[in-house]
Amino acid sequence: MTETQLRIAISVPSGDMVHADFAMCLARMCTTTHGMLVNVINNKSSIVAIARNNGVQLAQDFGAHYLLFLDSDMMFPENTLWRLLMHRQDIVAATYTKRVPPYPTLGTVLPGDVSLAPPGLIEMARVPTGCLLIKMPVFDKLPRPYFRFEANEQTGDIIGEDYIFCDRARAAGYRIWCDPVLSHDIGHIGQQVFKIPLLQE
């Protein structure tokens, strides 16, 4: 290891198991990290906000320059880390669809002049955290816990820890970006029940 070696923490919140397809994607991606010092962190918790906060702490303990969150129900190309790093942004993600009809794309595009965005990126108000790269100094400007749930008191809806993080990061002056090309290569693993169809008379 050298002093200038890039240190990457990859944080995977999960339960007791991860999807096999995710594990294969992670293994392939790790083979492309030549020249980097990579630490894969598995944070097992039934509360995803706790798992994410623990991941940040372990990344800080590791002395990481960047933290890549990858959810254990994601599929992604092997060059995902490189593609996100090449944007050289504080917060950059790939997005994906929900796993229930009508399968909307997660996240909210920030209205404004798209010509001001760096090439290949879209500025976002909110992004999901299933494939999200964060430069570690971002956490120095945010109070703990970095990830938390909140409720919309008017509607009663629970707001996820990912969107609340984005709101707080933007309030601290950070801009949030999404790579739309990489997003088309991301898969969100779900479950489907198959039954024997009834015979037609």
Protein backbone atom coordinates (compact mmCIF):
# COMPACT_ATOMS: atom_id res chain seq x y z
CA MET A 1 0.00 0.00 0.00
CA THR A 2 1.19 3.53 -0.81
CA GLU A 3 0.15 6.85 0.72
CA THR A 4 -1.49 7.87 -2.55
CA GLN A 5 -3.39 4.61 -3.01
CA LEU A 6 -7.12 5.18 -3.40
CA ARG A 7 -9.03 3.58 -0.54
CA ILE A 8 -12.59 2.46 -1.31
CA ALA A 9 -15.10 1.08 1.18
CA ILE A 10 -17.95 -0.92 -0.35
CA SER A 11 -20.84 -1.15 2.10
CA VAL A 12 -23.50 -3.82 1.62
CA PRO A 13 -26.49 -3.61 3.98
CA SER A 14 -28.20 -6.99 4.18
CA GLY A 15 -29.96 -9.56 6.24
CA ASP A 16 -28.44 -13.00 6.76
CA MET A 17 -28.24 -13.69 3.01
CA VAL A 18 -27.52 -11.84 -0.22
CA HIS A 19 -28.69 -12.70 -3.74
CA ALA A 20 -26.38 -14.98 -5.69
CA ASP A 21 -26.56 -12.70 -8.75
CA PHE A 22 -25.50 -9.76 -6.57
CA ALA A 23 -22.57 -11.75 -5.17
CA MET A 24 -21.38 -12.59 -8.68
CA CYS A 25 -21.62 -8.94 -9.77
CA LEU A 26 -19.67 -7.84 -6.69
CA ALA A 27 -16.97 -10.45 -7.30
CA ARG A 28 -16.57 -9.38 -10.93
CA MET A 29 -16.40 -5.71 -9.98
CA CYS A 30 -13.75 -6.36 -7.34
CA THR A 31 -11.52 -7.94 -9.99
CA THR A 32 -11.37 -4.54 -11.73
CA THR A 33 -10.08 -2.57 -8.73
CA HIS A 34 -6.37 -2.94 -9.49
CA GLY A 35 -4.39 -0.15 -7.85
CA MET A 36 -7.04 0.53 -5.22
CA LEU A 37 -7.27 -0.68 -1.65
CA VAL A 38 -10.82 -2.01 -1.30
CA ASN A 39 -12.65 -3.05 1.85
CA VAL A 40 -16.01 -4.81 1.43
CA ILE A 41 -18.19 -4.22 4.48
CA ASN A 42 -21.29 -6.33 5.15
CA ASN A 43 -23.62 -4.65 7.62
CA LYS A 44 -26.31 -7.08 8.73
CA SER A 45 -29.29 -5.38 10.32
CA SER A 46 -33.07 -5.55 10.00
CA ILE A 47 -33.08 -1.73 10.05
CA VAL A 48 -31.42 -0.42 6.89
CA ALA A 49 -30.70 3.04 8.32
CA ILE A 50 -28.65 1.45 11.11
CA ALA A 51 -26.78 -0.70 8.59
CA ARG A 52 -25.93 2.35 6.49
CA ASN A 53 -24.71 4.36 9.48
CA ASN A 54 -22.57 1.44 10.61
CA GLY A 55 -21.17 1.26 7.09
CA VAL A 56 -20.15 4.92 7.24
CA GLN A 57 -18.42 4.39 10.58
CA LEU A 58 -16.50 1.36 9.32
CA ALA A 59 -15.51 3.27 6.18
CA GLN A 60 -14.21 6.11 8.36
CA ASP A 61 -12.28 3.61 10.50
CA PHE A 62 -10.77 2.19 7.30
CA GLY A 63 -9.66 5.66 6.20
CA ALA A 64 -11.63 5.42 2.96
CA HIS A 65 -11.61 8.20 0.40
CA TYR A 66 -14.93 7.04 -1.05
CA LEU A 67 -17.84 4.93 0.18
CA LEU A 68 -19.82 2.91 -2.37
CA PHE A 69 -23.20 1.69 -1.18
CA LEU A 70 -24.42 -1.40 -3.03
CA ASP A 71 -27.67 -3.02 -1.97
CA SER A 72 -27.70 -6.80 -1.92
CA ASP A 73 -30.62 -6.95 -4.39
CA MET A 74 -28.74 -5.12 -7.16
CA MET A 75 -27.16 -6.34 -10.38
CA PHE A 76 -24.55 -4.09 -11.98
CA PRO A 77 -21.72 -4.18 -14.52
CA GLU A 78 -18.17 -4.91 -13.42
CA ASN A 79 -16.98 -1.38 -14.24
CA THR A 80 -19.59 0.30 -12.03
CA LEU A 81 -17.10 1.61 -9.47
CA TRP A 82 -14.79 3.00 -12.15
CA ARG A 83 -17.66 4.67 -13.99
CA LEU A 84 -18.84 6.45 -10.85
CA LEU A 85 -15.33 7.44 -9.78
CA MET A 86 -14.55 8.95 -13.18
CA HIS A 87 -17.23 11.59 -12.64
CA ARG A 88 -15.18 13.04 -9.75
CA GLN A 89 -18.28 14.19 -7.85
CA ASP A 90 -19.03 14.30 -4.13
CA ILE A 91 -22.26 12.32 -4.53
CA VAL A 92 -23.11 10.35 -7.66
CA ALA A 93 -25.44 7.42 -8.21
CA ALA A 94 -27.03 5.11 -10.69
CA THR A 95 -30.75 4.71 -10.31
CA TYR A 96 -33.15 1.86 -11.06
CA THR A 97 -36.82 0.94 -11.05
CA LYS A 98 -39.07 -0.17 -8.25
CA ARG A 99 -39.90 -3.85 -8.21
CA VAL A 100 -43.67 -3.41 -8.32
CA PRO A 101 -45.90 -2.28 -11.22
CA PRO A 102 -45.84 0.14 -12.93
CA TYR A 103 -42.07 -0.05 -12.18
CA PRO A 104 -41.32 3.67 -11.86
CA THR A 105 -37.73 4.89 -11.82
CA LEU A 106 -36.60 5.85 -8.32
CA GLY A 107 -35.33 9.32 -7.54
CA THR A 108 -36.34 12.87 -8.44
CA VAL A 109 -34.69 14.99 -11.11
CA LEU A 110 -33.85 18.51 -9.94
CA PRO A 111 -35.59 21.05 -12.20
CA GLY A 112 -33.29 23.58 -13.80
CA ASP A 113 -30.89 24.26 -16.64
CA VAL A 114 -29.57 20.86 -17.70
CA SER A 115 -26.77 22.54 -19.65
CA LEU A 116 -25.09 23.32 -16.32
CA ALA A 117 -24.66 19.63 -15.49
CA PRO A 118 -21.30 17.94 -16.06
CA PRO A 119 -21.20 15.80 -19.23
CA GLY A 120 -23.05 12.54 -18.85
CA LEU A 121 -24.80 13.44 -15.60
CA ILE A 122 -28.24 14.59 -14.49
CA GLU A 123 -28.66 16.67 -11.34
CA MET A 124 -31.05 15.08 -8.86
CA ALA A 125 -33.00 16.23 -5.84
CA ARG A 126 -33.09 12.68 -4.52
CA VAL A 127 -31.54 9.34 -5.49
CA PRO A 128 -31.86 5.84 -4.03
CA THR A 129 -28.83 4.42 -2.24
CA GLY A 130 -28.69 1.00 -3.89
CA CYS A 131 -25.78 2.12 -6.10
CA LEU A 132 -24.40 5.33 -4.63
CA LEU A 133 -20.83 6.66 -4.41
CA ILE A 134 -20.09 9.27 -1.73
CA LYS A 135 -16.83 11.10 -1.11
CA MET A 136 -16.03 10.64 2.58
CA PRO A 137 -15.61 14.36 3.49
CA VAL A 138 -19.35 14.75 2.84
CA PHE A 139 -20.00 13.06 6.18
CA ASP A 140 -17.83 15.64 7.99
CA LYS A 141 -20.47 18.28 7.23
CA LEU A 142 -23.50 16.23 8.27
CA PRO A 143 -24.63 15.52 11.83
CA ARG A 144 -25.10 11.94 12.97
CA PRO A 145 -26.98 9.80 12.33
CA TYR A 146 -26.32 10.33 8.64
CA PHE A 147 -29.21 8.07 7.62
CA ARG A 148 -32.57 8.23 9.36
CA PHE A 149 -36.25 7.77 8.63
CA GLU A 150 -38.69 10.66 8.83
CA ALA A 151 -42.44 11.00 8.45
CA ASN A 152 -44.54 13.40 6.43
CA GLU A 153 -46.82 14.71 9.15
CA GLN A 154 -49.46 15.78 6.62
CA THR A 155 -49.76 12.53 4.68
CA GLY A 156 -48.48 10.07 7.26
CA ASP A 157 -46.02 8.65 4.72
CA ILE A 158 -42.65 7.37 5.91
CA ILE A 159 -39.74 8.92 3.98
CA GLY A 160 -36.87 6.53 3.37
CA GLU A 161 -33.40 7.00 4.79
CA ASP A 162 -31.98 7.43 1.30
CA TYR A 163 -34.15 10.41 0.39
CA ILE A 164 -33.66 12.02 3.80
CA PHE A 165 -29.89 11.74 3.34
CA CYS A 166 -30.21 13.49 -0.02
CA ASP A 167 -32.31 16.28 1.48
CA ARG A 168 -29.76 16.87 4.24
CA ALA A 169 -26.78 16.68 1.88
CA ARG A 170 -28.31 19.24 -0.45
CA ALA A 171 -29.13 21.48 2.52
CA ALA A 172 -25.43 21.30 3.42
CA GLY A 173 -24.53 22.60 -0.04
CA TYR A 174 -23.80 19.37 -1.92
CA ARG A 175 -25.11 18.60 -5.39
CA ILE A 176 -26.36 15.13 -6.22
CA TRP A 177 -25.81 13.53 -9.60
CA CYS A 178 -27.06 10.51 -11.50
CA ASP A 179 -25.38 8.67 -14.37
CA PRO A 180 -28.30 7.83 -16.70
CA VAL A 181 -26.25 5.56 -18.97
CA LEU A 182 -25.03 3.41 -16.09
CA SER A 183 -28.58 3.40 -14.71
CA HIS A 184 -29.74 1.47 -17.77
CA ASP A 185 -27.28 -1.29 -16.83
CA ILE A 186 -28.56 -1.67 -13.25
CA GLY A 187 -30.96 -4.46 -12.33
CA HIS A 188 -33.19 -4.56 -9.24
CA ILE A 189 -33.68 -8.17 -8.19
CA GLY A 190 -37.21 -9.05 -7.11
CA GLN A 191 -39.42 -12.03 -6.47
CA GLN A 192 -42.26 -13.45 -8.49
CA VAL A 193 -44.62 -16.29 -7.72
CA PHE A 194 -45.23 -18.74 -10.55
CA LYS A 195 -48.31 -21.01 -10.59
CA ILE A 196 -49.54 -23.74 -12.88
CA PRO A 197 -52.10 -22.09 -15.17
CA LEU A 198 -55.64 -23.39 -15.26
CA LEU A 199 -56.42 -25.54 -18.25
CA GLN A 200 -58.61 -23.93 -20.86
CA GLU A 201 -61.65 -25.97 -21.83
